[in-house]
């Protein structure tokens, strides 16, 4: 089992409830997309899975450990096995791309190797290989403050690929990318998860990427899971209900809203699902 959440609830310090009675299980090697309107609780759910947020209610098991019953050193080791791709990667502006990628393994190396790698890269070939997968090989020694938002997101992805975690979490990993680069990036996350047999969970605002790349899609609304379905069974009516509080359109990859249209007598796929490009 990769993770198990039992009736998880999160209430913020201001009293606002972010998650309510969330129950979710994923086996090793599964690929899940979490979709839903803004403010649904997608990022909060990923933070719980990343063990960076302790839920107010319920029980958490990640990689067969309860993170909140572990000693500090054990919790640190568990977190080193979890890779998180952030929507806005926390990369120091003056840090070079190679150093940012190497940081993916700092929690796995001895302290002396980690310290030395901040002065001089302990590995060059590895970061170059991961950046090349994302069409950034020529940016290896570029400073982060000289990269665009989409490039920074890809550096953040390369760092997690270099980390080789047992659980891969991605929070809006392609929000600053054009459609071609978004597909390239998601394809590499997909390839990494498939090749190594690890679990991939991605929070996505765009519906078509979720349906095209992820076999299992979870709809989250107002902090609650409203559906957990194979992508092929996510219909017009299901998506209409999920996004009912928004503008009547579905957020898509090219930022062109897709009209959901009136309810049909029979449920049909809301989007024409184009198979993902073949990953070589």
C-alpha atoms as a PDB file:
ATOM      1  CA  UNK A   1       0.000   0.000   0.000  1.00  0.00           C
ATOM      2  CA  UNK A   2       1.337   3.420  -0.949  1.00  0.00           C
ATOM      3  CA  UNK A   3      -0.948   5.410   1.301  1.00  0.00           C
ATOM      4  CA  UNK A   4      -4.244   5.242   3.162  1.00  0.00           C
ATOM      5  CA  UNK A   5      -6.312   8.114   4.497  1.00  0.00           C
ATOM      6  CA  UNK A   6      -9.140   7.319   6.917  1.00  0.00           C
ATOM      7  CA  UNK A   7     -11.761  10.058   7.349  1.00  0.00           C
ATOM      8  CA  UNK A   8      -9.226  12.869   7.209  1.00  0.00           C
ATOM      9  CA  UNK A   9     -10.347  16.316   8.241  1.00  0.00           C
ATOM     10  CA  UNK A  10      -8.398  19.587   8.246  1.00  0.00           C
ATOM     11  CA  UNK A  11      -9.542  22.751  10.007  1.00  0.00           C
ATOM     12  CA  UNK A  12      -7.268  25.772   9.681  1.00  0.00           C
ATOM     13  CA  UNK A  13      -6.374  28.021  12.600  1.00  0.00           C
ATOM     14  CA  UNK A  14      -8.980  30.588  11.469  1.00  0.00           C
ATOM     15  CA  UNK A  15     -11.697  27.944  11.802  1.00  0.00           C
ATOM     16  CA  UNK A  16     -12.102  27.352   8.072  1.00  0.00           C
ATOM     17  CA  UNK A  17     -12.559  23.691   7.158  1.00  0.00           C
ATOM     18  CA  UNK A  18     -10.382  22.558   4.228  1.00  0.00           C
ATOM     19  CA  UNK A  19     -11.055  18.787   4.201  1.00  0.00           C
ATOM     20  CA  UNK A  20     -13.942  16.742   5.541  1.00  0.00           C
ATOM     21  CA  UNK A  21     -14.009  12.959   6.091  1.00  0.00           C
ATOM     22  CA  UNK A  22     -11.650  12.207   3.186  1.00  0.00           C
ATOM     23  CA  UNK A  23     -11.068   8.471   2.713  1.00  0.00           C
ATOM     24  CA  UNK A  24      -8.566   7.479   0.049  1.00  0.00           C
ATOM     25  CA  UNK A  25      -6.373   4.456  -0.630  1.00  0.00           C
ATOM     26  CA  UNK A  26      -3.737   3.987  -3.327  1.00  0.00           C
ATOM     27  CA  UNK A  27      -1.740   0.882  -4.114  1.00  0.00           C
ATOM     28  CA  UNK A  28       1.904   1.076  -5.148  1.00  0.00           C
ATOM     29  CA  UNK A  29       2.254   2.065  -8.790  1.00  0.00           C
ATOM     30  CA  UNK A  30      -1.145   3.743  -9.170  1.00  0.00           C
ATOM     31  CA  UNK A  31      -1.464   7.060 -11.005  1.00  0.00           C
ATOM     32  CA  UNK A  32      -4.165   9.401  -9.681  1.00  0.00           C
ATOM     33  CA  UNK A  33      -5.291  12.869 -10.730  1.00  0.00           C
ATOM     34  CA  UNK A  34      -7.158  15.098  -8.282  1.00  0.00           C
ATOM     35  CA  UNK A  35      -9.377  17.671  -9.980  1.00  0.00           C
ATOM     36  CA  UNK A  36     -11.882  20.213  -8.750  1.00  0.00           C
ATOM     37  CA  UNK A  37     -12.720  23.911  -8.635  1.00  0.00           C
ATOM     38  CA  UNK A  38     -10.513  26.495  -6.972  1.00  0.00           C
ATOM     39  CA  UNK A  39     -10.574  26.196  -3.186  1.00  0.00           C
ATOM     40  CA  UNK A  40     -11.675  22.559  -3.275  1.00  0.00           C
ATOM     41  CA  UNK A  41      -8.833  21.459  -0.979  1.00  0.00           C
ATOM     42  CA  UNK A  42      -6.562  19.821  -3.569  1.00  0.00           C
ATOM     43  CA  UNK A  43      -3.331  21.393  -2.289  1.00  0.00           C
ATOM     44  CA  UNK A  44      -4.286  20.692   1.327  1.00  0.00           C
ATOM     45  CA  UNK A  45      -4.822  17.028   0.487  1.00  0.00           C
ATOM     46  CA  UNK A  46      -1.374  16.821  -1.114  1.00  0.00           C
ATOM     47  CA  UNK A  47       0.194  18.495   1.923  1.00  0.00           C
ATOM     48  CA  UNK A  48      -1.332  15.814   4.136  1.00  0.00           C
ATOM     49  CA  UNK A  49       0.079  13.101   1.859  1.00  0.00           C
ATOM     50  CA  UNK A  50       3.471  14.845   1.900  1.00  0.00           C
ATOM     51  CA  UNK A  51       3.387  14.778   5.739  1.00  0.00           C
ATOM     52  CA  UNK A  52       3.921  18.553   5.788  1.00  0.00           C
ATOM     53  CA  UNK A  53       0.488  19.084   7.342  1.00  0.00           C
ATOM     54  CA  UNK A  54      -0.963  17.129  10.228  1.00  0.00           C
ATOM     55  CA  UNK A  55      -4.710  16.598   9.824  1.00  0.00           C
ATOM     56  CA  UNK A  56      -7.094  17.725  12.531  1.00  0.00           C
ATOM     57  CA  UNK A  57      -9.067  14.486  12.314  1.00  0.00           C
ATOM     58  CA  UNK A  58      -8.590  10.955  11.031  1.00  0.00           C
ATOM     59  CA  UNK A  59      -5.662   8.614  10.461  1.00  0.00           C
ATOM     60  CA  UNK A  60      -2.848   8.771   7.917  1.00  0.00           C
ATOM     61  CA  UNK A  61      -0.619   5.961   6.656  1.00  0.00           C
ATOM     62  CA  UNK A  62       2.055   6.880   4.101  1.00  0.00           C
ATOM     63  CA  UNK A  63       4.417   4.231   2.753  1.00  0.00           C
ATOM     64  CA  UNK A  64       3.052   1.959   5.492  1.00  0.00           C
ATOM     65  CA  UNK A  65       4.007   4.354   8.295  1.00  0.00           C
ATOM     66  CA  UNK A  66       1.929   6.672  10.438  1.00  0.00           C
ATOM     67  CA  UNK A  67       4.028   9.853  10.167  1.00  0.00           C
ATOM     68  CA  UNK A  68       2.643  11.334  13.368  1.00  0.00           C
ATOM     69  CA  UNK A  69       3.779   8.400  15.472  1.00  0.00           C
ATOM     70  CA  UNK A  70       7.397   8.575  14.328  1.00  0.00           C
ATOM     71  CA  UNK A  71      10.398  10.057  16.067  1.00  0.00           C
ATOM     72  CA  UNK A  72      11.931  13.087  14.394  1.00  0.00           C
ATOM     73  CA  UNK A  73      14.724  11.137  12.677  1.00  0.00           C
ATOM     74  CA  UNK A  74      12.291   8.507  11.384  1.00  0.00           C
ATOM     75  CA  UNK A  75       9.934  11.185  10.073  1.00  0.00           C
ATOM     76  CA  UNK A  76      12.842  12.826   8.245  1.00  0.00           C
ATOM     77  CA  UNK A  77      13.698   9.494   6.581  1.00  0.00           C
ATOM     78  CA  UNK A  78      10.075   9.007   5.559  1.00  0.00           C
ATOM     79  CA  UNK A  79       9.927  12.482   4.043  1.00  0.00           C
ATOM     80  CA  UNK A  80      13.091  11.783   2.047  1.00  0.00           C
ATOM     81  CA  UNK A  81      11.104   9.016   0.298  1.00  0.00           C
ATOM     82  CA  UNK A  82       8.370  11.441  -0.761  1.00  0.00           C
ATOM     83  CA  UNK A  83       8.928  13.740  -3.734  1.00  0.00           C
ATOM     84  CA  UNK A  84       6.846  16.901  -4.070  1.00  0.00           C
ATOM     85  CA  UNK A  85       6.571  19.044  -7.193  1.00  0.00           C
ATOM     86  CA  UNK A  86       5.312  22.498  -6.202  1.00  0.00           C
ATOM     87  CA  UNK A  87       3.319  24.860  -8.392  1.00  0.00           C
ATOM     88  CA  UNK A  88       5.853  27.563  -7.494  1.00  0.00           C
ATOM     89  CA  UNK A  89       9.069  25.661  -6.633  1.00  0.00           C
ATOM     90  CA  UNK A  90      10.842  27.131  -3.560  1.00  0.00           C
ATOM     91  CA  UNK A  91      14.130  27.728  -5.386  1.00  0.00           C
ATOM     92  CA  UNK A  92      16.569  30.422  -4.179  1.00  0.00           C
ATOM     93  CA  UNK A  93      16.936  33.048  -6.957  1.00  0.00           C
ATOM     94  CA  UNK A  94      20.744  32.913  -7.059  1.00  0.00           C
ATOM     95  CA  UNK A  95      20.882  29.112  -6.994  1.00  0.00           C
ATOM     96  CA  UNK A  96      21.926  27.406 -10.220  1.00  0.00           C
ATOM     97  CA  UNK A  97      19.683  24.828 -11.852  1.00  0.00           C
ATOM     98  CA  UNK A  98      22.188  22.020 -11.242  1.00  0.00           C
ATOM     99  CA  UNK A  99      22.287  22.781  -7.509  1.00  0.00           C
ATOM    100  CA  UNK A 100      18.492  22.960  -7.365  1.00  0.00           C
ATOM    101  CA  UNK A 101      18.242  19.497  -8.945  1.00  0.00           C
ATOM    102  CA  UNK A 102      20.904  17.999  -6.671  1.00  0.00           C
ATOM    103  CA  UNK A 103      18.916  19.266  -3.671  1.00  0.00           C
ATOM    104  CA  UNK A 104      16.489  16.433  -4.419  1.00  0.00           C
ATOM    105  CA  UNK A 105      18.892  13.982  -2.790  1.00  0.00           C
ATOM    106  CA  UNK A 106      20.194  16.033   0.112  1.00  0.00           C
ATOM    107  CA  UNK A 107      17.941  14.174   2.526  1.00  0.00           C
ATOM    108  CA  UNK A 108      19.386  10.840   1.359  1.00  0.00           C
ATOM    109  CA  UNK A 109      23.099  11.720   1.458  1.00  0.00           C
ATOM    110  CA  UNK A 110      25.410  11.982   4.496  1.00  0.00           C
ATOM    111  CA  UNK A 111      25.578  15.501   5.916  1.00  0.00           C
ATOM    112  CA  UNK A 112      29.123  16.067   4.667  1.00  0.00           C
ATOM    113  CA  UNK A 113      28.219  15.168   1.078  1.00  0.00           C
ATOM    114  CA  UNK A 114      25.160  17.406   1.225  1.00  0.00           C
ATOM    115  CA  UNK A 115      27.247  20.318   2.535  1.00  0.00           C
ATOM    116  CA  UNK A 116      29.961  19.867  -0.093  1.00  0.00           C
ATOM    117  CA  UNK A 117      27.394  19.644  -2.905  1.00  0.00           C
ATOM    118  CA  UNK A 118      26.249  23.172  -2.073  1.00  0.00           C
ATOM    119  CA  UNK A 119      29.779  24.407  -2.795  1.00  0.00           C
ATOM    120  CA  UNK A 120      30.582  22.167  -5.741  1.00  0.00           C
ATOM    121  CA  UNK A 121      28.141  19.785  -7.474  1.00  0.00           C
ATOM    122  CA  UNK A 122      28.662  16.224  -6.280  1.00  0.00           C
ATOM    123  CA  UNK A 123      27.122  15.000  -9.518  1.00  0.00           C
ATOM    124  CA  UNK A 124      26.832  16.663 -12.923  1.00  0.00           C
ATOM    125  CA  UNK A 125      25.738  13.854 -15.242  1.00  0.00           C
ATOM    126  CA  UNK A 126      22.637  12.988 -13.176  1.00  0.00           C
ATOM    127  CA  UNK A 127      21.123  16.485 -13.066  1.00  0.00           C
ATOM    128  CA  UNK A 128      21.967  17.011 -16.752  1.00  0.00           C
ATOM    129  CA  UNK A 129      20.124  13.794 -17.631  1.00  0.00           C
ATOM    130  CA  UNK A 130      16.984  14.814 -15.721  1.00  0.00           C
ATOM    131  CA  UNK A 131      16.992  18.352 -17.134  1.00  0.00           C
ATOM    132  CA  UNK A 132      17.443  16.915 -20.638  1.00  0.00           C
ATOM    133  CA  UNK A 133      14.260  14.893 -20.189  1.00  0.00           C
ATOM    134  CA  UNK A 134      12.460  18.220 -19.793  1.00  0.00           C
ATOM    135  CA  UNK A 135      14.259  20.044 -22.616  1.00  0.00           C
ATOM    136  CA  UNK A 136      16.423  22.057 -20.206  1.00  0.00           C
ATOM    137  CA  UNK A 137      19.879  20.507 -20.664  1.00  0.00           C
ATOM    138  CA  UNK A 138      21.254  23.846 -21.886  1.00  0.00           C
ATOM    139  CA  UNK A 139      20.156  25.522 -18.639  1.00  0.00           C
ATOM    140  CA  UNK A 140      22.255  23.311 -16.361  1.00  0.00           C
ATOM    141  CA  UNK A 141      24.351  26.154 -14.918  1.00  0.00           C
ATOM    142  CA  UNK A 142      21.742  28.903 -15.343  1.00  0.00           C
ATOM    143  CA  UNK A 143      20.710  30.834 -12.238  1.00  0.00           C
ATOM    144  CA  UNK A 144      17.095  30.371 -11.151  1.00  0.00           C
ATOM    145  CA  UNK A 145      16.375  34.102 -11.290  1.00  0.00           C
ATOM    146  CA  UNK A 146      17.185  33.967 -15.017  1.00  0.00           C
ATOM    147  CA  UNK A 147      14.565  31.308 -15.746  1.00  0.00           C
ATOM    148  CA  UNK A 148      10.925  31.763 -16.693  1.00  0.00           C
ATOM    149  CA  UNK A 149       8.073  30.475 -14.546  1.00  0.00           C
ATOM    150  CA  UNK A 150       7.598  27.436 -16.761  1.00  0.00           C
ATOM    151  CA  UNK A 151      11.331  26.687 -16.716  1.00  0.00           C
ATOM    152  CA  UNK A 152      11.390  26.928 -12.926  1.00  0.00           C
ATOM    153  CA  UNK A 153       8.515  24.455 -12.750  1.00  0.00           C
ATOM    154  CA  UNK A 154      10.471  22.033 -14.949  1.00  0.00           C
ATOM    155  CA  UNK A 155      13.568  22.432 -12.752  1.00  0.00           C
ATOM    156  CA  UNK A 156      11.348  21.518  -9.800  1.00  0.00           C
ATOM    157  CA  UNK A 157      10.176  18.420 -11.672  1.00  0.00           C
ATOM    158  CA  UNK A 158      13.772  17.498 -12.565  1.00  0.00           C
ATOM    159  CA  UNK A 159      14.716  17.745  -8.878  1.00  0.00           C
ATOM    160  CA  UNK A 160      12.022  15.209  -7.950  1.00  0.00           C
ATOM    161  CA  UNK A 161      12.979  12.903 -10.830  1.00  0.00           C
ATOM    162  CA  UNK A 162      16.575  13.015  -9.581  1.00  0.00           C
ATOM    163  CA  UNK A 163      15.372  12.271  -6.042  1.00  0.00           C
ATOM    164  CA  UNK A 164      13.759   8.980  -7.189  1.00  0.00           C
ATOM    165  CA  UNK A 165      11.105   8.952  -4.434  1.00  0.00           C
ATOM    166  CA  UNK A 166       8.782   6.096  -3.523  1.00  0.00           C
ATOM    167  CA  UNK A 167       5.775   8.432  -3.613  1.00  0.00           C
ATOM    168  CA  UNK A 168       5.562  11.210  -6.197  1.00  0.00           C
ATOM    169  CA  UNK A 169       3.236  14.156  -5.513  1.00  0.00           C
ATOM    170  CA  UNK A 170       2.687  17.032  -7.929  1.00  0.00           C
ATOM    171  CA  UNK A 171       0.673  20.150  -7.078  1.00  0.00           C
ATOM    172  CA  UNK A 172      -0.365  21.970 -10.276  1.00  0.00           C
ATOM    173  CA  UNK A 173       3.001  21.049 -11.865  1.00  0.00           C
ATOM    174  CA  UNK A 174       2.315  22.537 -15.335  1.00  0.00           C
ATOM    175  CA  UNK A 175       0.292  25.679 -14.574  1.00  0.00           C
ATOM    176  CA  UNK A 176       2.929  28.021 -16.084  1.00  0.00           C
ATOM    177  CA  UNK A 177       3.644  25.948 -19.217  1.00  0.00           C
ATOM    178  CA  UNK A 178       2.281  25.993 -22.757  1.00  0.00           C
ATOM    179  CA  UNK A 179       0.406  22.845 -23.895  1.00  0.00           C
ATOM    180  CA  UNK A 180       3.401  21.186 -25.581  1.00  0.00           C
ATOM    181  CA  UNK A 181       5.700  21.592 -22.573  1.00  0.00           C
ATOM    182  CA  UNK A 182       2.897  20.617 -20.205  1.00  0.00           C
ATOM    183  CA  UNK A 183       2.429  17.332 -22.063  1.00  0.00           C
ATOM    184  CA  UNK A 184       6.191  16.730 -22.129  1.00  0.00           C
ATOM    185  CA  UNK A 185       6.420  17.305 -18.370  1.00  0.00           C
ATOM    186  CA  UNK A 186       3.452  15.125 -17.478  1.00  0.00           C
ATOM    187  CA  UNK A 187       4.785  12.419 -19.806  1.00  0.00           C
ATOM    188  CA  UNK A 188       8.061  12.332 -17.861  1.00  0.00           C
ATOM    189  CA  UNK A 189       6.269  12.102 -14.505  1.00  0.00           C
ATOM    190  CA  UNK A 190       4.123   9.340 -15.988  1.00  0.00           C
ATOM    191  CA  UNK A 191       7.208   7.548 -17.367  1.00  0.00           C
ATOM    192  CA  UNK A 192       9.049   7.776 -14.045  1.00  0.00           C
ATOM    193  CA  UNK A 193       6.098   6.366 -12.114  1.00  0.00           C
ATOM    194  CA  UNK A 194       5.513   3.578 -14.618  1.00  0.00           C
ATOM    195  CA  UNK A 195       9.155   2.575 -15.027  1.00  0.00           C
ATOM    196  CA  UNK A 196       9.887   2.410 -11.297  1.00  0.00           C
ATOM    197  CA  UNK A 197       6.443   1.242 -10.208  1.00  0.00           C
ATOM    198  CA  UNK A 198       5.879   4.138  -7.793  1.00  0.00           C
ATOM    199  CA  UNK A 199       2.663   5.993  -7.034  1.00  0.00           C
ATOM    200  CA  UNK A 200       2.002   9.331  -8.725  1.00  0.00           C
ATOM    201  CA  UNK A 201      -0.643  11.747  -7.430  1.00  0.00           C
ATOM    202  CA  UNK A 202      -1.148  15.034  -9.273  1.00  0.00           C
ATOM    203  CA  UNK A 203      -3.426  17.915  -8.408  1.00  0.00           C
ATOM    204  CA  UNK A 204      -4.581  19.472 -11.672  1.00  0.00           C
ATOM    205  CA  UNK A 205      -6.872  22.345 -12.543  1.00  0.00           C
ATOM    206  CA  UNK A 206      -7.039  21.405 -16.238  1.00  0.00           C
ATOM    207  CA  UNK A 207      -9.446  18.565 -16.885  1.00  0.00           C
ATOM    208  CA  UNK A 208      -8.137  17.303 -20.227  1.00  0.00           C
ATOM    209  CA  UNK A 209      -4.634  16.531 -18.905  1.00  0.00           C
ATOM    210  CA  UNK A 210      -6.145  14.594 -16.022  1.00  0.00           C
ATOM    211  CA  UNK A 211      -8.340  12.500 -18.309  1.00  0.00           C
ATOM    212  CA  UNK A 212      -5.642  11.917 -20.917  1.00  0.00           C
ATOM    213  CA  UNK A 213      -2.801  10.864 -18.638  1.00  0.00           C
ATOM    214  CA  UNK A 214      -4.285   9.414 -15.452  1.00  0.00           C
ATOM    215  CA  UNK A 215      -6.182   6.119 -15.230  1.00  0.00           C
ATOM    216  CA  UNK A 216      -7.893   7.149 -11.978  1.00  0.00           C
ATOM    217  CA  UNK A 217      -9.494  10.545 -11.421  1.00  0.00           C
ATOM    218  CA  UNK A 218     -10.740  11.914  -8.101  1.00  0.00           C
ATOM    219  CA  UNK A 219     -13.128  14.849  -7.934  1.00  0.00           C
ATOM    220  CA  UNK A 220     -12.783  17.095  -4.893  1.00  0.00           C
ATOM    221  CA  UNK A 221     -15.265  19.825  -4.012  1.00  0.00           C
ATOM    222  CA  UNK A 222     -15.586  21.874  -0.826  1.00  0.00           C
ATOM    223  CA  UNK A 223     -13.087  19.581   0.890  1.00  0.00           C
ATOM    224  CA  UNK A 224     -14.963  16.357   0.134  1.00  0.00           C
ATOM    225  CA  UNK A 225     -14.432  13.599  -2.419  1.00  0.00           C
ATOM    226  CA  UNK A 226     -17.451  13.612  -4.725  1.00  0.00           C
ATOM    227  CA  UNK A 227     -16.232  10.883  -7.083  1.00  0.00           C
ATOM    228  CA  UNK A 228     -13.369   8.413  -7.490  1.00  0.00           C
ATOM    229  CA  UNK A 229     -13.580   6.909 -10.979  1.00  0.00           C
ATOM    230  CA  UNK A 230     -11.594   5.441 -13.875  1.00  0.00           C
ATOM    231  CA  UNK A 231     -10.957   8.240 -16.381  1.00  0.00           C
ATOM    232  CA  UNK A 232     -13.179   6.540 -18.978  1.00  0.00           C
ATOM    233  CA  UNK A 233     -16.174   6.797 -16.634  1.00  0.00           C
ATOM    234  CA  UNK A 234     -15.842  10.529 -15.926  1.00  0.00           C
ATOM    235  CA  UNK A 235     -18.880  11.811 -17.819  1.00  0.00           C
ATOM    236  CA  UNK A 236     -20.435  15.158 -18.733  1.00  0.00           C
ATOM    237  CA  UNK A 237     -22.842  15.019 -15.821  1.00  0.00           C
ATOM    238  CA  UNK A 238     -20.105  14.142 -13.323  1.00  0.00           C
ATOM    239  CA  UNK A 239     -17.946  17.071 -14.442  1.00  0.00           C
ATOM    240  CA  UNK A 240     -20.935  19.425 -14.584  1.00  0.00           C
ATOM    241  CA  UNK A 241     -21.725  18.671 -10.967  1.00  0.00           C
ATOM    242  CA  UNK A 242     -18.097  19.099  -9.914  1.00  0.00           C
ATOM    243  CA  UNK A 243     -17.671  22.512 -11.562  1.00  0.00           C
ATOM    244  CA  UNK A 244     -21.232  23.761 -11.010  1.00  0.00           C
ATOM    245  CA  UNK A 245     -19.998  26.607  -8.808  1.00  0.00           C
ATOM    246  CA  UNK A 246     -17.782  27.988 -11.574  1.00  0.00           C
ATOM    247  CA  UNK A 247     -18.729  29.546 -14.909  1.00  0.00           C
ATOM    248  CA  UNK A 248     -20.319  26.581 -16.680  1.00  0.00           C
ATOM    249  CA  UNK A 249     -17.109  25.815 -18.543  1.00  0.00           C
ATOM    250  CA  UNK A 250     -14.336  23.321 -17.981  1.00  0.00           C
ATOM    251  CA  UNK A 251     -10.743  24.533 -17.502  1.00  0.00           C
ATOM    252  CA  UNK A 252      -8.633  23.027 -20.276  1.00  0.00           C
ATOM    253  CA  UNK A 253      -4.973  22.831 -21.232  1.00  0.00           C
ATOM    254  CA  UNK A 254      -4.942  25.615 -23.831  1.00  0.00           C
ATOM    255  CA  UNK A 255      -6.886  27.974 -21.531  1.00  0.00           C
ATOM    256  CA  UNK A 256      -9.812  27.936 -23.939  1.00  0.00           C
ATOM    257  CA  UNK A 257     -12.899  27.116 -21.843  1.00  0.00           C
ATOM    258  CA  UNK A 258     -14.843  24.128 -23.079  1.00  0.00           C
ATOM    259  CA  UNK A 259     -18.612  24.626 -22.945  1.00  0.00           C
ATOM    260  CA  UNK A 260     -20.188  21.815 -20.970  1.00  0.00           C
ATOM    261  CA  UNK A 261     -23.549  22.449 -22.604  1.00  0.00           C
ATOM    262  CA  UNK A 262     -26.971  21.312 -21.446  1.00  0.00           C
ATOM    263  CA  UNK A 263     -27.392  17.999 -19.682  1.00  0.00           C
ATOM    264  CA  UNK A 264     -27.731  15.079 -22.084  1.00  0.00           C
ATOM    265  CA  UNK A 265     -30.107  12.141 -21.568  1.00  0.00           C
ATOM    266  CA  UNK A 266     -27.164   9.758 -21.435  1.00  0.00           C
ATOM    267  CA  UNK A 267     -23.735  10.398 -19.955  1.00  0.00           C
ATOM    268  CA  UNK A 268     -21.077  10.905 -22.598  1.00  0.00           C
ATOM    269  CA  UNK A 269     -17.442  11.895 -22.166  1.00  0.00           C
ATOM    270  CA  UNK A 270     -17.200  15.657 -21.676  1.00  0.00           C
ATOM    271  CA  UNK A 271     -13.970  15.812 -23.654  1.00  0.00           C
ATOM    272  CA  UNK A 272     -12.616  14.002 -26.641  1.00  0.00           C
ATOM    273  CA  UNK A 273      -9.805  12.121 -24.950  1.00  0.00           C
ATOM    274  CA  UNK A 274      -6.653  12.063 -27.022  1.00  0.00           C
ATOM    275  CA  UNK A 275      -4.345   9.206 -26.036  1.00  0.00           C
ATOM    276  CA  UNK A 276      -1.090  10.407 -24.455  1.00  0.00           C
ATOM    277  CA  UNK A 277       1.920  10.600 -26.778  1.00  0.00           C
ATOM    278  CA  UNK A 278       4.130   7.566 -26.781  1.00  0.00           C
ATOM    279  CA  UNK A 279       6.987   7.997 -24.308  1.00  0.00           C
ATOM    280  CA  UNK A 280      10.317   6.744 -25.631  1.00  0.00           C
END
